[in-house]
C-alpha atoms as a PDB file:
ATOM      1  CA  MET A   1     -10.202 -24.746  89.618  1.00  0.00           C
ATOM      2  CA  GLU A   2     -12.789 -23.918  87.201  1.00  0.00           C
ATOM      3  CA  VAL A   3     -16.177 -23.411  88.320  1.00  0.00           C
ATOM      4  CA  ASN A   4     -18.837 -24.203  85.960  1.00  0.00           C
ATOM      5  CA  PHE A   5     -22.137 -22.410  87.141  1.00  0.00           C
ATOM      6  CA  GLN A   6     -24.286 -24.477  84.870  1.00  0.00           C
ATOM      7  CA  THR A   7     -23.272 -27.656  86.074  1.00  0.00           C
ATOM      8  CA  ALA A   8     -25.172 -26.825  89.572  1.00  0.00           C
ATOM      9  CA  TYR A   9     -27.999 -29.639  90.554  1.00  0.00           C
ATOM     10  CA  PHE A  10     -30.205 -29.861  93.420  1.00  0.00           C
ATOM     11  CA  GLU A  11     -28.839 -31.515  96.128  1.00  0.00           C
ATOM     12  CA  THR A  12     -31.396 -31.816  98.850  1.00  0.00           C
ATOM     13  CA  ALA A  13     -33.955 -29.690 101.353  1.00  0.00           C
ATOM     14  CA  TYR A  14     -34.296 -29.594 104.824  1.00  0.00           C
ATOM     15  CA  GLY A  15     -37.453 -28.243 106.955  1.00  0.00           C
ATOM     16  CA  SER A  16     -36.038 -28.673 110.259  1.00  0.00           C
ATOM     17  CA  ALA A  17     -32.850 -27.378 111.581  1.00  0.00           C
ATOM     18  CA  LYS A  18     -32.363 -31.052 113.381  1.00  0.00           C
ATOM     19  CA  GLN A  19     -32.017 -32.407 110.041  1.00  0.00           C
ATOM     20  CA  LEU A  20     -29.168 -29.977 108.734  1.00  0.00           C
ATOM     21  CA  PRO A  21     -26.435 -31.508 107.647  1.00  0.00           C
ATOM     22  CA  ALA A  22     -22.549 -30.707 108.931  1.00  0.00           C
ATOM     23  CA  SER A  23     -21.178 -28.242 106.847  1.00  0.00           C
ATOM     24  CA  SER A  24     -18.335 -29.704 104.679  1.00  0.00           C
ATOM     25  CA  ILE A  25     -17.587 -27.369 101.709  1.00  0.00           C
ATOM     26  CA  PRO A  26     -17.995 -23.751 101.438  1.00  0.00           C
ATOM     27  CA  GLU A  27     -21.815 -22.630 101.431  1.00  0.00           C
ATOM     28  CA  ILE A  28     -23.075 -19.544  99.426  1.00  0.00           C
ATOM     29  CA  ILE A  29     -26.170 -18.143 101.000  1.00  0.00           C
ATOM     30  CA  PHE A  30     -28.927 -16.803  99.534  1.00  0.00           C
ATOM     31  CA  CYS A  31     -31.462 -14.470 101.539  1.00  0.00           C
ATOM     32  CA  GLY A  32     -34.373 -12.075 101.117  1.00  0.00           C
ATOM     33  CA  ARG A  33     -37.629 -11.562 101.745  1.00  0.00           C
ATOM     34  CA  SER A  34     -40.701 -13.825 100.147  1.00  0.00           C
ATOM     35  CA  ASN A  35     -41.294 -12.536  96.678  1.00  0.00           C
ATOM     36  CA  VAL A  36     -37.971 -10.576  96.156  1.00  0.00           C
ATOM     37  CA  GLY A  37     -36.870 -12.379  93.169  1.00  0.00           C
ATOM     38  CA  LYS A  38     -34.285 -14.857  94.913  1.00  0.00           C
ATOM     39  CA  SER A  39     -35.017 -18.131  92.790  1.00  0.00           C
ATOM     40  CA  SER A  40     -35.047 -15.872  89.465  1.00  0.00           C
ATOM     41  CA  LEU A  41     -31.576 -14.755  90.439  1.00  0.00           C
ATOM     42  CA  MET A  42     -30.299 -18.306  91.449  1.00  0.00           C
ATOM     43  CA  ASN A  43     -31.730 -19.423  88.034  1.00  0.00           C
ATOM     44  CA  LYS A  44     -30.216 -16.480  86.325  1.00  0.00           C
ATOM     45  CA  ILE A  45     -26.569 -16.951  87.668  1.00  0.00           C
ATOM     46  CA  LEU A  46     -26.751 -20.989  86.980  1.00  0.00           C
ATOM     47  CA  ASN A  47     -28.047 -20.301  83.266  1.00  0.00           C
ATOM     48  CA  ARG A  48     -30.907 -22.474  84.041  1.00  0.00           C
ATOM     49  CA  LYS A  49     -34.481 -22.066  83.518  1.00  0.00           C
ATOM     50  CA  SER A  50     -36.395 -23.747  86.711  1.00  0.00           C
ATOM     51  CA  LEU A  51     -33.490 -25.372  88.786  1.00  0.00           C
ATOM     52  CA  ALA A  52     -34.679 -23.462  91.782  1.00  0.00           C
ATOM     53  CA  LYS A  53     -38.550 -23.306  92.123  1.00  0.00           C
ATOM     54  CA  VAL A  54     -39.977 -20.054  91.335  1.00  0.00           C
ATOM     55  CA  SER A  55     -42.813 -19.961  93.472  1.00  0.00           C
ATOM     56  CA  SER A  56     -46.390 -18.663  92.473  1.00  0.00           C
ATOM     57  CA  SER A  57     -47.285 -17.767  95.738  1.00  0.00           C
ATOM     58  CA  PRO A  58     -44.618 -16.164  97.674  1.00  0.00           C
ATOM     59  CA  GLY A  59     -43.734 -17.862 101.261  1.00  0.00           C
ATOM     60  CA  LYS A  60     -43.620 -21.287  99.801  1.00  0.00           C
ATOM     61  CA  THR A  61     -40.070 -21.902 100.295  1.00  0.00           C
ATOM     62  CA  ALA A  62     -40.419 -23.373 103.492  1.00  0.00           C
ATOM     63  CA  THR A  63     -37.085 -25.166 103.233  1.00  0.00           C
ATOM     64  CA  VAL A  64     -33.215 -24.665 103.391  1.00  0.00           C
ATOM     65  CA  ASN A  65     -32.453 -25.974  99.705  1.00  0.00           C
ATOM     66  CA  PHE A  66     -28.764 -27.056  98.712  1.00  0.00           C
ATOM     67  CA  TYR A  67     -27.702 -27.044  95.416  1.00  0.00           C
ATOM     68  CA  ARG A  68     -24.316 -28.273  94.406  1.00  0.00           C
ATOM     69  CA  ILE A  69     -21.379 -26.494  91.855  1.00  0.00           C
ATOM     70  CA  GLY A  70     -18.572 -28.644  92.242  1.00  0.00           C
ATOM     71  CA  ASP A  71     -16.974 -27.757  95.412  1.00  0.00           C
ATOM     72  CA  ILE A  72     -19.133 -25.154  96.275  1.00  0.00           C
ATOM     73  CA  ARG A  73     -22.727 -25.343  97.533  1.00  0.00           C
ATOM     74  CA  LEU A  74     -25.547 -23.021  97.219  1.00  0.00           C
ATOM     75  CA  VAL A  75     -28.039 -22.387  99.841  1.00  0.00           C
ATOM     76  CA  ASP A  76     -31.565 -21.096  99.442  1.00  0.00           C
ATOM     77  CA  LEU A  77     -32.845 -20.078 102.841  1.00  0.00           C
ATOM     78  CA  PRO A  78     -36.432 -19.425 103.350  1.00  0.00           C
ATOM     79  CA  GLY A  79     -37.911 -16.184 102.410  1.00  0.00           C
ATOM     80  CA  TYR A  80     -39.180 -14.137 105.481  1.00  0.00           C
ATOM     81  CA  GLY A  81     -41.813 -11.519 105.827  1.00  0.00           C
ATOM     82  CA  TYR A  82     -44.877 -12.969 104.149  1.00  0.00           C
ATOM     83  CA  ALA A  83     -47.869 -11.817 106.116  1.00  0.00           C
ATOM     84  CA  LYS A  84     -50.279 -14.788 104.916  1.00  0.00           C
ATOM     85  CA  ILE A  85     -48.433 -17.547 106.638  1.00  0.00           C
ATOM     86  CA  SER A  86     -49.636 -18.931 109.968  1.00  0.00           C
ATOM     87  CA  VAL A  87     -48.233 -18.164 113.058  1.00  0.00           C
ATOM     88  CA  SER A  88     -46.987 -21.525 113.655  1.00  0.00           C
ATOM     89  CA  GLU A  89     -45.489 -21.505 109.877  1.00  0.00           C
ATOM     90  CA  LYS A  90     -43.426 -18.024 110.822  1.00  0.00           C
ATOM     91  CA  GLN A  91     -42.176 -19.912 114.022  1.00  0.00           C
ATOM     92  CA  ARG A  92     -40.812 -22.905 111.984  1.00  0.00           C
ATOM     93  CA  PHE A  93     -39.223 -20.300 109.614  1.00  0.00           C
ATOM     94  CA  ALA A  94     -37.722 -18.869 112.420  1.00  0.00           C
ATOM     95  CA  ASP A  95     -36.060 -21.887 114.243  1.00  0.00           C
ATOM     96  CA  LEU A  96     -35.215 -23.093 110.902  1.00  0.00           C
ATOM     97  CA  MET A  97     -33.217 -20.000 110.158  1.00  0.00           C
ATOM     98  CA  GLU A  98     -31.482 -19.702 113.795  1.00  0.00           C
ATOM     99  CA  GLY A  99     -30.476 -23.107 113.494  1.00  0.00           C
ATOM    100  CA  TYR A 100     -28.774 -22.581 110.177  1.00  0.00           C
ATOM    101  CA  PHE A 101     -27.213 -19.818 111.615  1.00  0.00           C
ATOM    102  CA  SER A 102     -26.302 -21.038 115.048  1.00  0.00           C
ATOM    103  CA  GLN A 103     -24.478 -24.107 114.023  1.00  0.00           C
ATOM    104  CA  PRO A 104     -20.711 -24.045 112.921  1.00  0.00           C
ATOM    105  CA  ARG A 105     -21.041 -23.544 109.080  1.00  0.00           C
ATOM    106  CA  ASN A 106     -18.695 -22.645 106.324  1.00  0.00           C
ATOM    107  CA  ILE A 107     -20.494 -19.677 104.855  1.00  0.00           C
ATOM    108  CA  PRO A 108     -17.722 -17.317 103.286  1.00  0.00           C
ATOM    109  CA  LEU A 109     -20.558 -14.948 101.462  1.00  0.00           C
ATOM    110  CA  ALA A 110     -23.909 -14.247 101.737  1.00  0.00           C
ATOM    111  CA  VAL A 111     -25.819 -12.587  99.619  1.00  0.00           C
ATOM    112  CA  GLN A 112     -28.694 -10.733 100.749  1.00  0.00           C
ATOM    113  CA  LEU A 113     -31.481  -9.817  98.185  1.00  0.00           C
ATOM    114  CA  ILE A 114     -33.212  -6.491  98.292  1.00  0.00           C
ATOM    115  CA  ASP A 115     -35.976  -5.142  95.927  1.00  0.00           C
ATOM    116  CA  MET A 116     -34.262  -2.062  94.402  1.00  0.00           C
ATOM    117  CA  ARG A 117     -37.529  -0.117  93.870  1.00  0.00           C
ATOM    118  CA  HIS A 118     -38.214  -0.272  97.820  1.00  0.00           C
ATOM    119  CA  PRO A 119     -36.866   0.823 100.842  1.00  0.00           C
ATOM    120  CA  PRO A 120     -35.369  -2.276 103.035  1.00  0.00           C
ATOM    121  CA  THR A 121     -37.805  -3.815 104.772  1.00  0.00           C
ATOM    122  CA  LYS A 122     -37.183  -4.319 108.760  1.00  0.00           C
ATOM    123  CA  ASP A 123     -36.344  -8.101 108.167  1.00  0.00           C
ATOM    124  CA  ASP A 124     -33.721  -6.972 105.442  1.00  0.00           C
ATOM    125  CA  VAL A 125     -31.945  -4.487 108.046  1.00  0.00           C
ATOM    126  CA  ASN A 126     -32.447  -7.478 110.509  1.00  0.00           C
ATOM    127  CA  MET A 127     -30.348  -9.851 108.260  1.00  0.00           C
ATOM    128  CA  LEU A 128     -27.952  -7.134 107.408  1.00  0.00           C
ATOM    129  CA  ASN A 129     -27.683  -6.380 111.067  1.00  0.00           C
ATOM    130  CA  LEU A 130     -27.091 -10.511 111.772  1.00  0.00           C
ATOM    131  CA  TYR A 131     -24.032 -10.544 109.305  1.00  0.00           C
ATOM    132  CA  LEU A 132     -22.617  -7.878 110.799  1.00  0.00           C
ATOM    133  CA  GLU A 133     -22.861  -9.479 114.400  1.00  0.00           C
ATOM    134  CA  LEU A 134     -21.843 -13.045 113.145  1.00  0.00           C
ATOM    135  CA  ASN A 135     -18.689 -10.786 111.054  1.00  0.00           C
ATOM    136  CA  MET A 136     -20.161 -12.354 107.700  1.00  0.00           C
ATOM    137  CA  ASN A 137     -19.065 -11.497 104.495  1.00  0.00           C
ATOM    138  CA  PHE A 138     -21.986 -10.277 102.494  1.00  0.00           C
ATOM    139  CA  ILE A 139     -23.167  -8.384  99.200  1.00  0.00           C
ATOM    140  CA  ILE A 140     -26.335  -7.110  98.920  1.00  0.00           C
ATOM    141  CA  ALA A 141     -28.068  -7.973  95.111  1.00  0.00           C
ATOM    142  CA  LEU A 142     -30.780  -5.000  94.223  1.00  0.00           C
ATOM    143  CA  THR A 143     -33.241  -7.091  92.543  1.00  0.00           C
ATOM    144  CA  LYS A 144     -35.910  -5.905  89.566  1.00  0.00           C
ATOM    145  CA  SER A 145     -33.725  -3.310  88.355  1.00  0.00           C
ATOM    146  CA  ASP A 146     -35.320  -3.645  85.078  1.00  0.00           C
ATOM    147  CA  LYS A 147     -38.580  -2.119  86.524  1.00  0.00           C
ATOM    148  CA  LEU A 148     -37.089   1.201  87.034  1.00  0.00           C
ATOM    149  CA  LYS A 149     -36.375   4.172  84.445  1.00  0.00           C
ATOM    150  CA  PRO A 150     -33.320   5.881  84.660  1.00  0.00           C
ATOM    151  CA  MET A 151     -34.220   8.801  86.856  1.00  0.00           C
ATOM    152  CA  ALA A 152     -36.353   6.489  89.560  1.00  0.00           C
ATOM    153  CA  ARG A 153     -33.253   3.950  89.402  1.00  0.00           C
ATOM    154  CA  LYS A 154     -30.789   7.069  90.171  1.00  0.00           C
ATOM    155  CA  ALA A 155     -32.610   8.581  92.600  1.00  0.00           C
ATOM    156  CA  ARG A 156     -33.321   4.706  94.762  1.00  0.00           C
ATOM    157  CA  LEU A 157     -29.440   4.274  94.561  1.00  0.00           C
ATOM    158  CA  GLU A 158     -29.197   7.707  96.224  1.00  0.00           C
ATOM    159  CA  GLU A 159     -31.671   6.732  98.815  1.00  0.00           C
ATOM    160  CA  LEU A 160     -30.309   3.269  99.366  1.00  0.00           C
ATOM    161  CA  GLU A 161     -27.152   5.069 100.522  1.00  0.00           C
ATOM    162  CA  ASN A 162     -29.345   6.686 103.276  1.00  0.00           C
ATOM    163  CA  GLU A 163     -31.388   3.697 104.181  1.00  0.00           C
ATOM    164  CA  LEU A 164     -28.458   1.326 104.351  1.00  0.00           C
ATOM    165  CA  SER A 165     -25.870   4.056 106.325  1.00  0.00           C
ATOM    166  CA  PHE A 166     -25.155   1.730 109.084  1.00  0.00           C
ATOM    167  CA  LEU A 167     -23.169  -0.464 106.734  1.00  0.00           C
ATOM    168  CA  SER A 168     -19.748   0.514 105.824  1.00  0.00           C
ATOM    169  CA  GLY A 169     -18.968   2.241 102.367  1.00  0.00           C
ATOM    170  CA  ASP A 170     -17.459  -0.362 100.505  1.00  0.00           C
ATOM    171  CA  THR A 171     -20.244  -2.716 101.091  1.00  0.00           C
ATOM    172  CA  VAL A 172     -20.865  -4.266  97.365  1.00  0.00           C
ATOM    173  CA  LYS A 173     -24.076  -3.498  96.182  1.00  0.00           C
ATOM    174  CA  ILE A 174     -25.057  -4.719  92.602  1.00  0.00           C
ATOM    175  CA  PRO A 175     -28.440  -4.008  90.868  1.00  0.00           C
ATOM    176  CA  PHE A 176     -29.724  -7.054  89.413  1.00  0.00           C
ATOM    177  CA  SER A 177     -32.581  -8.088  86.853  1.00  0.00           C
ATOM    178  CA  SER A 178     -33.186 -11.426  86.018  1.00  0.00           C
ATOM    179  CA  VAL A 179     -34.698 -10.379  82.734  1.00  0.00           C
ATOM    180  CA  THR A 180     -31.699  -8.474  81.358  1.00  0.00           C
ATOM    181  CA  GLY A 181     -29.188 -10.223  83.259  1.00  0.00           C
ATOM    182  CA  GLU A 182     -27.892  -7.301  84.768  1.00  0.00           C
ATOM    183  CA  GLY A 183     -25.692  -7.719  87.531  1.00  0.00           C
ATOM    184  CA  ALA A 184     -25.619 -11.761  87.135  1.00  0.00           C
ATOM    185  CA  GLU A 185     -21.850 -11.672  86.119  1.00  0.00           C
ATOM    186  CA  GLU A 186     -20.627  -9.528  89.140  1.00  0.00           C
ATOM    187  CA  ILE A 187     -22.656 -11.596  91.630  1.00  0.00           C
ATOM    188  CA  LYS A 188     -20.799 -14.787  89.942  1.00  0.00           C
ATOM    189  CA  LYS A 189     -17.448 -13.230  90.501  1.00  0.00           C
ATOM    190  CA  GLU A 190     -18.399 -12.231  94.041  1.00  0.00           C
ATOM    191  CA  ILE A 191     -18.791 -15.924  94.822  1.00  0.00           C
ATOM    192  CA  LEU A 192     -15.910 -17.076  93.322  1.00  0.00           C
ATOM    193  CA  LYS A 193     -13.803 -14.498  95.155  1.00  0.00           C
ATOM    194  CA  ALA A 194     -15.402 -15.166  98.320  1.00  0.00           C
ATOM    195  CA  CYS A 195     -14.307 -18.821  97.945  1.00  0.00           C
ATOM    196  CA  GLY A 196     -10.909 -17.892  96.771  1.00  0.00           C
ATOM    197  CA  LEU A 197     -11.224 -19.155  93.233  1.00  0.00           C
END
């Protein structure tokens, strides 16, 4: 089956776990802390300027957003780890995420976004451990790769090997830039491969 990423459209958004529909087709999830560039990555791989809304203030994606491409769903999960939101909002985010992952869902791949310039946060590590615990297939998109000069980039890639040493050596890590498009094709290939296409 041919999958044209440009045909993606916004399907629906849910603000509470109770509203989430049953998982009827494969769901590719995108997860990362607020301001890691999740919307920019999704727009880049879909070759659309603003299908996924890029928020001017981090922590605004307070819903689980579903996008549809043929027989695949892309699921944009709420950004985590933003300090300036209220305790009750943080709790709602946590409940929404927990609700999503505790349901029987068809998730062939998780795309975990980590800012390449910085060590993974505690929340990033928690998410990676959750994937391991749930025996989920995942890749890591190292965002904002264009912001590093070659020497700094090389150093960060080496440091990341240590910082993520709890993962297996064959974990796919893809440097990504929404500015240059680096990594976009590789991420698409991983999505198709995970869906058996």
